[in-house]
mmCIF file of all heavy atoms, coordinates in Angstrom:
data_MODEL
# 
_entry.id   MODEL 
# 
loop_
_atom_site.group_PDB 
_atom_site.id 
_atom_site.type_symbol 
_atom_site.label_atom_id 
_atom_site.label_alt_id 
_atom_site.label_comp_id 
_atom_site.label_asym_id 
_atom_site.label_entity_id 
_atom_site.label_seq_id 
_atom_site.pdbx_PDB_ins_code 
_atom_site.Cartn_x 
_atom_site.Cartn_y 
_atom_site.Cartn_z 
_atom_site.occupancy 
_atom_site.B_iso_or_equiv 
_atom_site.pdbx_formal_charge 
_atom_site.auth_seq_id 
_atom_site.auth_comp_id 
_atom_site.auth_asym_id 
_atom_site.auth_atom_id 
_atom_site.pdbx_PDB_model_num 
ATOM 1   N N   . PHE A 1 1  ? 112.775 10.797 87.662  1.00 0.00 ? 1  PHE A N   1 
ATOM 2   C CA  . PHE A 1 1  ? 113.166 10.326 89.000  1.00 0.00 ? 1  PHE A CA  1 
ATOM 3   C C   . PHE A 1 1  ? 113.284 8.837  88.876  1.00 0.00 ? 1  PHE A C   1 
ATOM 4   O O   . PHE A 1 1  ? 112.335 8.158  88.413  1.00 0.00 ? 1  PHE A O   1 
ATOM 5   C CB  . PHE A 1 1  ? 112.188 10.711 90.058  1.00 0.00 ? 1  PHE A CB  1 
ATOM 6   C CG  . PHE A 1 1  ? 112.143 12.166 90.307  1.00 0.00 ? 1  PHE A CG  1 
ATOM 7   C CD1 . PHE A 1 1  ? 111.164 12.991 89.715  1.00 0.00 ? 1  PHE A CD1 1 
ATOM 8   C CD2 . PHE A 1 1  ? 112.991 12.823 91.219  1.00 0.00 ? 1  PHE A CD2 1 
ATOM 9   C CE1 . PHE A 1 1  ? 111.135 14.372 89.974  1.00 0.00 ? 1  PHE A CE1 1 
ATOM 10  C CE2 . PHE A 1 1  ? 112.968 14.124 91.492  1.00 0.00 ? 1  PHE A CE2 1 
ATOM 11  C CZ  . PHE A 1 1  ? 111.974 14.894 90.861  1.00 0.00 ? 1  PHE A CZ  1 
ATOM 12  N N   . LEU A 1 2  ? 114.406 8.224  89.241  1.00 0.00 ? 2  LEU A N   1 
ATOM 13  C CA  . LEU A 1 2  ? 114.574 6.835  89.125  1.00 0.00 ? 2  LEU A CA  1 
ATOM 14  C C   . LEU A 1 2  ? 115.581 6.306  90.180  1.00 0.00 ? 2  LEU A C   1 
ATOM 15  O O   . LEU A 1 2  ? 116.440 7.067  90.711  1.00 0.00 ? 2  LEU A O   1 
ATOM 16  C CB  . LEU A 1 2  ? 114.992 6.421  87.730  1.00 0.00 ? 2  LEU A CB  1 
ATOM 17  C CG  . LEU A 1 2  ? 116.369 6.926  87.192  1.00 0.00 ? 2  LEU A CG  1 
ATOM 18  C CD1 . LEU A 1 2  ? 116.707 6.119  85.917  1.00 0.00 ? 2  LEU A CD1 1 
ATOM 19  C CD2 . LEU A 1 2  ? 116.447 8.376  86.918  1.00 0.00 ? 2  LEU A CD2 1 
ATOM 20  N N   . PRO A 1 3  ? 115.566 4.983  90.473  1.00 0.00 ? 3  PRO A N   1 
ATOM 21  C CA  . PRO A 1 3  ? 116.590 4.415  91.357  1.00 0.00 ? 3  PRO A CA  1 
ATOM 22  C C   . PRO A 1 3  ? 117.996 4.674  90.799  1.00 0.00 ? 3  PRO A C   1 
ATOM 23  O O   . PRO A 1 3  ? 118.252 4.634  89.614  1.00 0.00 ? 3  PRO A O   1 
ATOM 24  C CB  . PRO A 1 3  ? 116.269 2.917  91.396  1.00 0.00 ? 3  PRO A CB  1 
ATOM 25  C CG  . PRO A 1 3  ? 114.798 2.833  90.969  1.00 0.00 ? 3  PRO A CG  1 
ATOM 26  C CD  . PRO A 1 3  ? 114.625 3.954  89.964  1.00 0.00 ? 3  PRO A CD  1 
ATOM 27  N N   . ILE A 1 4  ? 118.887 4.878  91.744  1.00 0.00 ? 4  ILE A N   1 
ATOM 28  C CA  . ILE A 1 4  ? 120.287 5.248  91.297  1.00 0.00 ? 4  ILE A CA  1 
ATOM 29  C C   . ILE A 1 4  ? 120.908 4.126  90.476  1.00 0.00 ? 4  ILE A C   1 
ATOM 30  O O   . ILE A 1 4  ? 121.683 4.443  89.636  1.00 0.00 ? 4  ILE A O   1 
ATOM 31  C CB  . ILE A 1 4  ? 121.180 5.542  92.599  1.00 0.00 ? 4  ILE A CB  1 
ATOM 32  C CG1 . ILE A 1 4  ? 122.470 6.222  92.165  1.00 0.00 ? 4  ILE A CG1 1 
ATOM 33  C CG2 . ILE A 1 4  ? 121.350 4.303  93.436  1.00 0.00 ? 4  ILE A CG2 1 
ATOM 34  C CD1 . ILE A 1 4  ? 123.251 6.780  93.320  1.00 0.00 ? 4  ILE A CD1 1 
ATOM 35  N N   . GLU A 1 5  ? 120.493 2.935  90.693  1.00 0.00 ? 5  GLU A N   1 
ATOM 36  C CA  . GLU A 1 5  ? 121.091 1.778  89.931  1.00 0.00 ? 5  GLU A CA  1 
ATOM 37  C C   . GLU A 1 5  ? 120.701 1.892  88.438  1.00 0.00 ? 5  GLU A C   1 
ATOM 38  O O   . GLU A 1 5  ? 121.332 1.317  87.586  1.00 0.00 ? 5  GLU A O   1 
ATOM 39  C CB  . GLU A 1 5  ? 120.629 0.449  90.549  1.00 0.00 ? 5  GLU A CB  1 
ATOM 40  C CG  . GLU A 1 5  ? 121.081 0.119  91.914  1.00 0.00 ? 5  GLU A CG  1 
ATOM 41  C CD  . GLU A 1 5  ? 120.248 0.833  92.988  1.00 0.00 ? 5  GLU A CD  1 
ATOM 42  O OE1 . GLU A 1 5  ? 119.216 1.414  92.656  1.00 0.00 ? 5  GLU A OE1 1 
ATOM 43  O OE2 . GLU A 1 5  ? 120.608 0.740  94.153  1.00 0.00 ? 5  GLU A OE2 1 
ATOM 44  N N   . GLU A 1 6  ? 119.583 2.539  88.169  1.00 0.00 ? 6  GLU A N   1 
ATOM 45  C CA  . GLU A 1 6  ? 119.083 2.625  86.787  1.00 0.00 ? 6  GLU A CA  1 
ATOM 46  C C   . GLU A 1 6  ? 119.527 3.919  86.060  1.00 0.00 ? 6  GLU A C   1 
ATOM 47  O O   . GLU A 1 6  ? 119.235 4.077  84.899  1.00 0.00 ? 6  GLU A O   1 
ATOM 48  C CB  . GLU A 1 6  ? 117.547 2.577  86.797  1.00 0.00 ? 6  GLU A CB  1 
ATOM 49  C CG  . GLU A 1 6  ? 116.975 1.271  87.344  1.00 0.00 ? 6  GLU A CG  1 
ATOM 50  C CD  . GLU A 1 6  ? 115.452 1.269  87.408  1.00 0.00 ? 6  GLU A CD  1 
ATOM 51  O OE1 . GLU A 1 6  ? 114.898 2.075  86.738  1.00 0.00 ? 6  GLU A OE1 1 
ATOM 52  O OE2 . GLU A 1 6  ? 114.917 0.379  88.076  1.00 0.00 ? 6  GLU A OE2 1 
ATOM 53  N N   . ALA A 1 7  ? 120.176 4.761  86.809  1.00 0.00 ? 7  ALA A N   1 
ATOM 54  C CA  . ALA A 1 7  ? 120.592 6.093  86.210  1.00 0.00 ? 7  ALA A CA  1 
ATOM 55  C C   . ALA A 1 7  ? 121.868 5.898  85.406  1.00 0.00 ? 7  ALA A C   1 
ATOM 56  O O   . ALA A 1 7  ? 122.905 5.492  85.890  1.00 0.00 ? 7  ALA A O   1 
ATOM 57  C CB  . ALA A 1 7  ? 120.785 7.095  87.303  1.00 0.00 ? 7  ALA A CB  1 
ATOM 58  N N   . LYS A 1 8  ? 121.764 6.211  84.075  1.00 0.00 ? 8  LYS A N   1 
ATOM 59  C CA  . LYS A 1 8  ? 122.935 6.072  83.159  1.00 0.00 ? 8  LYS A CA  1 
ATOM 60  C C   . LYS A 1 8  ? 123.114 7.375  82.377  1.00 0.00 ? 8  LYS A C   1 
ATOM 61  O O   . LYS A 1 8  ? 122.150 7.899  81.854  1.00 0.00 ? 8  LYS A O   1 
ATOM 62  C CB  . LYS A 1 8  ? 122.707 4.915  82.184  1.00 0.00 ? 8  LYS A CB  1 
ATOM 63  C CG  . LYS A 1 8  ? 122.215 3.595  82.824  1.00 0.00 ? 8  LYS A CG  1 
ATOM 64  C CD  . LYS A 1 8  ? 123.283 2.964  83.727  1.00 0.00 ? 8  LYS A CD  1 
ATOM 65  C CE  . LYS A 1 8  ? 122.808 1.657  84.307  1.00 0.00 ? 8  LYS A CE  1 
ATOM 66  N NZ  . LYS A 1 8  ? 123.787 1.157  85.295  1.00 0.00 ? 8  LYS A NZ  1 
ATOM 67  N N   . VAL A 1 9  ? 124.393 7.796  82.370  1.00 0.00 ? 9  VAL A N   1 
ATOM 68  C CA  . VAL A 1 9  ? 124.774 8.967  81.553  1.00 0.00 ? 9  VAL A CA  1 
ATOM 69  C C   . VAL A 1 9  ? 125.390 8.518  80.279  1.00 0.00 ? 9  VAL A C   1 
ATOM 70  O O   . VAL A 1 9  ? 126.259 7.620  80.291  1.00 0.00 ? 9  VAL A O   1 
ATOM 71  C CB  . VAL A 1 9  ? 125.704 9.899  82.392  1.00 0.00 ? 9  VAL A CB  1 
ATOM 72  C CG1 . VAL A 1 9  ? 126.169 11.060 81.525  1.00 0.00 ? 9  VAL A CG1 1 
ATOM 73  C CG2 . VAL A 1 9  ? 125.044 10.375 83.663  1.00 0.00 ? 9  VAL A CG2 1 
ATOM 74  N N   . PRO A 1 10 ? 125.011 9.081  79.142  1.00 0.00 ? 10 PRO A N   1 
ATOM 75  C CA  . PRO A 1 10 ? 125.601 8.690  77.837  1.00 0.00 ? 10 PRO A CA  1 
ATOM 76  C C   . PRO A 1 10 ? 127.139 8.807  77.859  1.00 0.00 ? 10 PRO A C   1 
ATOM 77  O O   . PRO A 1 10 ? 127.701 9.680  78.438  1.00 0.00 ? 10 PRO A O   1 
ATOM 78  C CB  . PRO A 1 10 ? 124.966 9.605  76.831  1.00 0.00 ? 10 PRO A CB  1 
ATOM 79  C CG  . PRO A 1 10 ? 123.661 9.974  77.452  1.00 0.00 ? 10 PRO A CG  1 
ATOM 80  C CD  . PRO A 1 10 ? 123.900 10.053 78.969  1.00 0.00 ? 10 PRO A CD  1 
ATOM 81  N N   . PHE A 1 11 ? 127.751 7.876  77.170  1.00 0.00 ? 11 PHE A N   1 
ATOM 82  C CA  . PHE A 1 11 ? 129.199 7.769  77.098  1.00 0.00 ? 11 PHE A CA  1 
ATOM 83  C C   . PHE A 1 11 ? 129.849 9.071  76.618  1.00 0.00 ? 11 PHE A C   1 
ATOM 84  O O   . PHE A 1 11 ? 130.877 9.477  77.129  1.00 0.00 ? 11 PHE A O   1 
ATOM 85  C CB  . PHE A 1 11 ? 129.552 6.570  76.221  1.00 0.00 ? 11 PHE A CB  1 
ATOM 86  C CG  . PHE A 1 11 ? 131.062 6.322  76.061  1.00 0.00 ? 11 PHE A CG  1 
ATOM 87  C CD1 . PHE A 1 11 ? 131.627 5.496  77.038  1.00 0.00 ? 11 PHE A CD1 1 
ATOM 88  C CD2 . PHE A 1 11 ? 131.814 6.855  75.139  1.00 0.00 ? 11 PHE A CD2 1 
ATOM 89  C CE1 . PHE A 1 11 ? 132.986 5.218  76.952  1.00 0.00 ? 11 PHE A CE1 1 
ATOM 90  C CE2 . PHE A 1 11 ? 133.218 6.611  75.041  1.00 0.00 ? 11 PHE A CE2 1 
ATOM 91  C CZ  . PHE A 1 11 ? 133.777 5.795  75.941  1.00 0.00 ? 11 PHE A CZ  1 
ATOM 92  N N   . MET A 1 12 ? 129.230 9.729  75.644  1.00 0.00 ? 12 MET A N   1 
ATOM 93  C CA  . MET A 1 12 ? 129.818 10.915 75.019  1.00 0.00 ? 12 MET A CA  1 
ATOM 94  C C   . MET A 1 12 ? 129.400 12.194 75.683  1.00 0.00 ? 12 MET A C   1 
ATOM 95  O O   . MET A 1 12 ? 129.542 13.304 75.106  1.00 0.00 ? 12 MET A O   1 
ATOM 96  C CB  . MET A 1 12 ? 129.464 10.978 73.563  1.00 0.00 ? 12 MET A CB  1 
ATOM 97  C CG  . MET A 1 12 ? 129.992 9.728  72.732  1.00 0.00 ? 12 MET A CG  1 
ATOM 98  S SD  . MET A 1 12 ? 131.846 9.651  72.757  1.00 0.00 ? 12 MET A SD  1 
ATOM 99  C CE  . MET A 1 12 ? 132.242 10.973 71.678  1.00 0.00 ? 12 MET A CE  1 
ATOM 100 N N   . ASP A 1 13 ? 128.892 12.104 76.905  1.00 0.00 ? 13 ASP A N   1 
ATOM 101 C CA  . ASP A 1 13 ? 128.518 13.373 77.609  1.00 0.00 ? 13 ASP A CA  1 
ATOM 102 C C   . ASP A 1 13 ? 129.779 14.239 77.811  1.00 0.00 ? 13 ASP A C   1 
ATOM 103 O O   . ASP A 1 13 ? 130.824 13.733 78.260  1.00 0.00 ? 13 ASP A O   1 
ATOM 104 C CB  . ASP A 1 13 ? 127.891 13.021 78.948  1.00 0.00 ? 13 ASP A CB  1 
ATOM 105 C CG  . ASP A 1 13 ? 127.222 14.276 79.602  1.00 0.00 ? 13 ASP A CG  1 
ATOM 106 O OD1 . ASP A 1 13 ? 127.987 15.054 80.271  1.00 0.00 ? 13 ASP A OD1 1 
ATOM 107 O OD2 . ASP A 1 13 ? 126.067 14.461 79.355  1.00 0.00 ? 13 ASP A OD2 1 
ATOM 108 N N   . ARG A 1 14 ? 129.662 15.518 77.563  1.00 0.00 ? 14 ARG A N   1 
ATOM 109 C CA  . ARG A 1 14 ? 130.795 16.395 77.642  1.00 0.00 ? 14 ARG A CA  1 
ATOM 110 C C   . ARG A 1 14 ? 131.271 16.587 79.083  1.00 0.00 ? 14 ARG A C   1 
ATOM 111 O O   . ARG A 1 14 ? 132.398 16.991 79.355  1.00 0.00 ? 14 ARG A O   1 
ATOM 112 C CB  . ARG A 1 14 ? 130.466 17.747 76.992  1.00 0.00 ? 14 ARG A CB  1 
ATOM 113 C CG  . ARG A 1 14 ? 130.486 17.629 75.479  1.00 0.00 ? 14 ARG A CG  1 
ATOM 114 C CD  . ARG A 1 14 ? 130.082 18.973 74.814  1.00 0.00 ? 14 ARG A CD  1 
ATOM 115 N NE  . ARG A 1 14 ? 131.054 20.044 75.007  1.00 0.00 ? 14 ARG A NE  1 
ATOM 116 C CZ  . ARG A 1 14 ? 132.029 20.303 74.220  1.00 0.00 ? 14 ARG A CZ  1 
ATOM 117 N NH1 . ARG A 1 14 ? 132.233 19.546 73.090  1.00 0.00 ? 14 ARG A NH1 1 
ATOM 118 N NH2 . ARG A 1 14 ? 132.825 21.339 74.487  1.00 0.00 ? 14 ARG A NH2 1 
ATOM 119 N N   . GLY A 1 15 ? 130.458 16.330 80.049  1.00 0.00 ? 15 GLY A N   1 
ATOM 120 C CA  . GLY A 1 15 ? 130.871 16.367 81.455  1.00 0.00 ? 15 GLY A CA  1 
ATOM 121 C C   . GLY A 1 15 ? 131.860 15.308 81.697  1.00 0.00 ? 15 GLY A C   1 
ATOM 122 O O   . GLY A 1 15 ? 132.877 15.506 82.402  1.00 0.00 ? 15 GLY A O   1 
ATOM 123 N N   . PHE A 1 16 ? 131.730 14.147 81.095  1.00 0.00 ? 16 PHE A N   1 
ATOM 124 C CA  . PHE A 1 16 ? 132.672 13.025 81.272  1.00 0.00 ? 16 PHE A CA  1 
ATOM 125 C C   . PHE A 1 16 ? 133.905 13.325 80.404  1.00 0.00 ? 16 PHE A C   1 
ATOM 126 O O   . PHE A 1 16 ? 135.039 13.051 80.845  1.00 0.00 ? 16 PHE A O   1 
ATOM 127 C CB  . PHE A 1 16 ? 131.980 11.752 80.813  1.00 0.00 ? 16 PHE A CB  1 
ATOM 128 C CG  . PHE A 1 16 ? 132.904 10.525 80.770  1.00 0.00 ? 16 PHE A CG  1 
ATOM 129 C CD1 . PHE A 1 16 ? 133.489 10.021 81.935  1.00 0.00 ? 16 PHE A CD1 1 
ATOM 130 C CD2 . PHE A 1 16 ? 133.112 9.898  79.578  1.00 0.00 ? 16 PHE A CD2 1 
ATOM 131 C CE1 . PHE A 1 16 ? 134.307 8.966  81.901  1.00 0.00 ? 16 PHE A CE1 1 
ATOM 132 C CE2 . PHE A 1 16 ? 133.956 8.823  79.539  1.00 0.00 ? 16 PHE A CE2 1 
ATOM 133 C CZ  . PHE A 1 16 ? 134.547 8.330  80.671  1.00 0.00 ? 16 PHE A CZ  1 
ATOM 134 N N   . MET A 1 17 ? 133.720 13.808 79.149  1.00 0.00 ? 17 MET A N   1 
ATOM 135 C CA  . MET A 1 17 ? 134.844 13.969 78.280  1.00 0.00 ? 17 MET A CA  1 
ATOM 136 C C   . MET A 1 17 ? 135.674 15.150 78.663  1.00 0.00 ? 17 MET A C   1 
ATOM 137 O O   . MET A 1 17 ? 136.975 15.102 78.528  1.00 0.00 ? 17 MET A O   1 
ATOM 138 C CB  . MET A 1 17 ? 134.330 14.157 76.829  1.00 0.00 ? 17 MET A CB  1 
ATOM 139 C CG  . MET A 1 17 ? 133.715 12.912 76.266  1.00 0.00 ? 17 MET A CG  1 
ATOM 140 S SD  . MET A 1 17 ? 134.986 11.682 75.979  1.00 0.00 ? 17 MET A SD  1 
ATOM 141 C CE  . MET A 1 17 ? 133.946 10.262 75.568  1.00 0.00 ? 17 MET A CE  1 
ATOM 142 N N   . PHE A 1 18 ? 135.115 16.285 79.041  1.00 0.00 ? 18 PHE A N   1 
ATOM 143 C CA  . PHE A 1 18 ? 135.811 17.509 79.242  1.00 0.00 ? 18 PHE A CA  1 
ATOM 144 C C   . PHE A 1 18 ? 135.689 18.135 80.610  1.00 0.00 ? 18 PHE A C   1 
ATOM 145 O O   . PHE A 1 18 ? 136.376 19.217 80.910  1.00 0.00 ? 18 PHE A O   1 
ATOM 146 C CB  . PHE A 1 18 ? 135.399 18.601 78.235  1.00 0.00 ? 18 PHE A CB  1 
ATOM 147 C CG  . PHE A 1 18 ? 135.679 18.268 76.810  1.00 0.00 ? 18 PHE A CG  1 
ATOM 148 C CD1 . PHE A 1 18 ? 134.657 17.973 75.887  1.00 0.00 ? 18 PHE A CD1 1 
ATOM 149 C CD2 . PHE A 1 18 ? 136.964 18.239 76.342  1.00 0.00 ? 18 PHE A CD2 1 
ATOM 150 C CE1 . PHE A 1 18 ? 134.951 17.687 74.582  1.00 0.00 ? 18 PHE A CE1 1 
ATOM 151 C CE2 . PHE A 1 18 ? 137.288 17.919 75.003  1.00 0.00 ? 18 PHE A CE2 1 
ATOM 152 C CZ  . PHE A 1 18 ? 136.231 17.660 74.085  1.00 0.00 ? 18 PHE A CZ  1 
ATOM 153 N N   . GLY A 1 19 ? 134.797 17.599 81.438  1.00 0.00 ? 19 GLY A N   1 
ATOM 154 C CA  . GLY A 1 19 ? 134.472 18.323 82.639  1.00 0.00 ? 19 GLY A CA  1 
ATOM 155 C C   . GLY A 1 19 ? 133.672 19.631 82.301  1.00 0.00 ? 19 GLY A C   1 
ATOM 156 O O   . GLY A 1 19 ? 133.686 20.629 82.968  1.00 0.00 ? 19 GLY A O   1 
ATOM 157 N N   . ASP A 1 20 ? 132.991 19.593 81.117  1.00 0.00 ? 20 ASP A N   1 
ATOM 158 C CA  . ASP A 1 20 ? 132.259 20.739 80.583  1.00 0.00 ? 20 ASP A CA  1 
ATOM 159 C C   . ASP A 1 20 ? 130.957 20.913 81.250  1.00 0.00 ? 20 ASP A C   1 
ATOM 160 O O   . ASP A 1 20 ? 129.927 20.486 80.678  1.00 0.00 ? 20 ASP A O   1 
ATOM 161 C CB  . ASP A 1 20 ? 132.199 20.543 79.069  1.00 0.00 ? 20 ASP A CB  1 
ATOM 162 C CG  . ASP A 1 20 ? 131.621 21.749 78.300  1.00 0.00 ? 20 ASP A CG  1 
ATOM 163 O OD1 . ASP A 1 20 ? 131.402 22.788 79.022  1.00 0.00 ? 20 ASP A OD1 1 
ATOM 164 O OD2 . ASP A 1 20 ? 131.435 21.691 77.093  1.00 0.00 ? 20 ASP A OD2 1 
ATOM 165 N N   . GLY A 1 21 ? 130.961 21.537 82.415  1.00 0.00 ? 21 GLY A N   1 
ATOM 166 C CA  . GLY A 1 21 ? 129.683 21.684 83.123  1.00 0.00 ? 21 GLY A CA  1 
ATOM 167 C C   . GLY A 1 21 ? 129.911 22.369 84.401  1.00 0.00 ? 21 GLY A C   1 
ATOM 168 O O   . GLY A 1 21 ? 131.051 22.693 84.778  1.00 0.00 ? 21 GLY A O   1 
ATOM 169 N N   . VAL A 1 22 ? 128.835 22.663 85.114  1.00 0.00 ? 22 VAL A N   1 
ATOM 170 C CA  . VAL A 1 22 ? 128.874 23.268 86.443  1.00 0.00 ? 22 VAL A CA  1 
ATOM 171 C C   . VAL A 1 22 ? 128.043 22.500 87.412  1.00 0.00 ? 22 VAL A C   1 
ATOM 172 O O   . VAL A 1 22 ? 127.227 21.635 87.049  1.00 0.00 ? 22 VAL A O   1 
ATOM 173 C CB  . VAL A 1 22 ? 128.408 24.736 86.354  1.00 0.00 ? 22 VAL A CB  1 
ATOM 174 C CG1 . VAL A 1 22 ? 129.242 25.547 85.373  1.00 0.00 ? 22 VAL A CG1 1 
ATOM 175 C CG2 . VAL A 1 22 ? 126.936 24.852 86.030  1.00 0.00 ? 22 VAL A CG2 1 
ATOM 176 N N   . TYR A 1 23 ? 128.176 22.823 88.719  1.00 0.00 ? 23 TYR A N   1 
ATOM 177 C CA  . TYR A 1 23 ? 127.402 22.128 89.694  1.00 0.00 ? 23 TYR A CA  1 
ATOM 178 C C   . TYR A 1 23 ? 127.004 23.079 90.815  1.00 0.00 ? 23 TYR A C   1 
ATOM 179 O O   . TYR A 1 23 ? 127.511 24.178 90.905  1.00 0.00 ? 23 TYR A O   1 
ATOM 180 C CB  . TYR A 1 23 ? 128.160 20.884 90.284  1.00 0.00 ? 23 TYR A CB  1 
ATOM 181 C CG  . TYR A 1 23 ? 129.307 21.259 91.180  1.00 0.00 ? 23 TYR A CG  1 
ATOM 182 C CD1 . TYR A 1 23 ? 129.173 21.081 92.576  1.00 0.00 ? 23 TYR A CD1 1 
ATOM 183 C CD2 . TYR A 1 23 ? 130.547 21.692 90.698  1.00 0.00 ? 23 TYR A CD2 1 
ATOM 184 C CE1 . TYR A 1 23 ? 130.187 21.418 93.433  1.00 0.00 ? 23 TYR A CE1 1 
ATOM 185 C CE2 . TYR A 1 23 ? 131.577 22.000 91.582  1.00 0.00 ? 23 TYR A CE2 1 
ATOM 186 C CZ  . TYR A 1 23 ? 131.399 21.838 92.933  1.00 0.00 ? 23 TYR A CZ  1 
ATOM 187 O OH  . TYR A 1 23 ? 132.393 22.160 93.794  1.00 0.00 ? 23 TYR A OH  1 
ATOM 188 N N   . GLU A 1 24 ? 126.115 22.561 91.640  1.00 0.00 ? 24 GLU A N   1 
ATOM 189 C CA  . GLU A 1 24 ? 125.690 23.352 92.848  1.00 0.00 ? 24 GLU A CA  1 
ATOM 190 C C   . GLU A 1 24 ? 125.287 22.431 93.935  1.00 0.00 ? 24 GLU A C   1 
ATOM 191 O O   . GLU A 1 24 ? 125.022 21.224 93.708  1.00 0.00 ? 24 GLU A O   1 
ATOM 192 C CB  . GLU A 1 24 ? 124.479 24.234 92.483  1.00 0.00 ? 24 GLU A CB  1 
ATOM 193 C CG  . GLU A 1 24 ? 124.146 25.330 93.460  1.00 0.00 ? 24 GLU A CG  1 
ATOM 194 C CD  . GLU A 1 24 ? 125.299 26.227 93.834  1.00 0.00 ? 24 GLU A CD  1 
ATOM 195 O OE1 . GLU A 1 24 ? 125.779 27.021 92.974  1.00 0.00 ? 24 GLU A OE1 1 
ATOM 196 O OE2 . GLU A 1 24 ? 125.746 26.148 95.011  1.00 0.00 ? 24 GLU A OE2 1 
ATOM 197 N N   . GLY A 1 25 ? 125.319 22.881 95.227  1.00 0.00 ? 25 GLY A N   1 
ATOM 198 C CA  . GLY A 1 25 ? 124.918 22.014 96.310  1.00 0.00 ? 25 GLY A CA  1 
ATOM 199 C C   . GLY A 1 25 ? 124.196 22.829 97.338  1.00 0.00 ? 25 GLY A C   1 
ATOM 200 O O   . GLY A 1 25 ? 124.547 24.018 97.556  1.00 0.00 ? 25 GLY A O   1 
ATOM 201 N N   . VAL A 1 26 ? 123.168 22.272 97.909  1.00 0.00 ? 26 VAL A N   1 
ATOM 202 C CA  . VAL A 1 26 ? 122.333 22.979 98.853  1.00 0.00 ? 26 VAL A CA  1 
ATOM 203 C C   . VAL A 1 26 ? 122.153 22.139 100.081 1.00 0.00 ? 26 VAL A C   1 
ATOM 204 O O   . VAL A 1 26 ? 121.836 20.937 99.995  1.00 0.00 ? 26 VAL A O   1 
ATOM 205 C CB  . VAL A 1 26 ? 120.917 23.273 98.222  1.00 0.00 ? 26 VAL A CB  1 
ATOM 206 C CG1 . VAL A 1 26 ? 120.003 24.028 99.228  1.00 0.00 ? 26 VAL A CG1 1 
ATOM 207 C CG2 . VAL A 1 26 ? 121.089 24.122 96.978  1.00 0.00 ? 26 VAL A CG2 1 
ATOM 208 N N   . GLY A 1 27 ? 122.283 22.797 101.244 1.00 0.00 ? 27 GLY A N   1 
ATOM 209 C CA  . GLY A 1 27 ? 121.998 22.047 102.503 1.00 0.00 ? 27 GLY A CA  1 
ATOM 210 C C   . GLY A 1 27 ? 120.538 21.819 102.725 1.00 0.00 ? 27 GLY A C   1 
ATOM 211 O O   . GLY A 1 27 ? 119.663 22.628 102.245 1.00 0.00 ? 27 GLY A O   1 
# 
């Protein structure tokens, strides 16, 4: 858990490169 300003995703993440992932949302 960290402040949003400090959250960094690696450059070669496949979510960034390919959209290779899934998501979910909860009210």
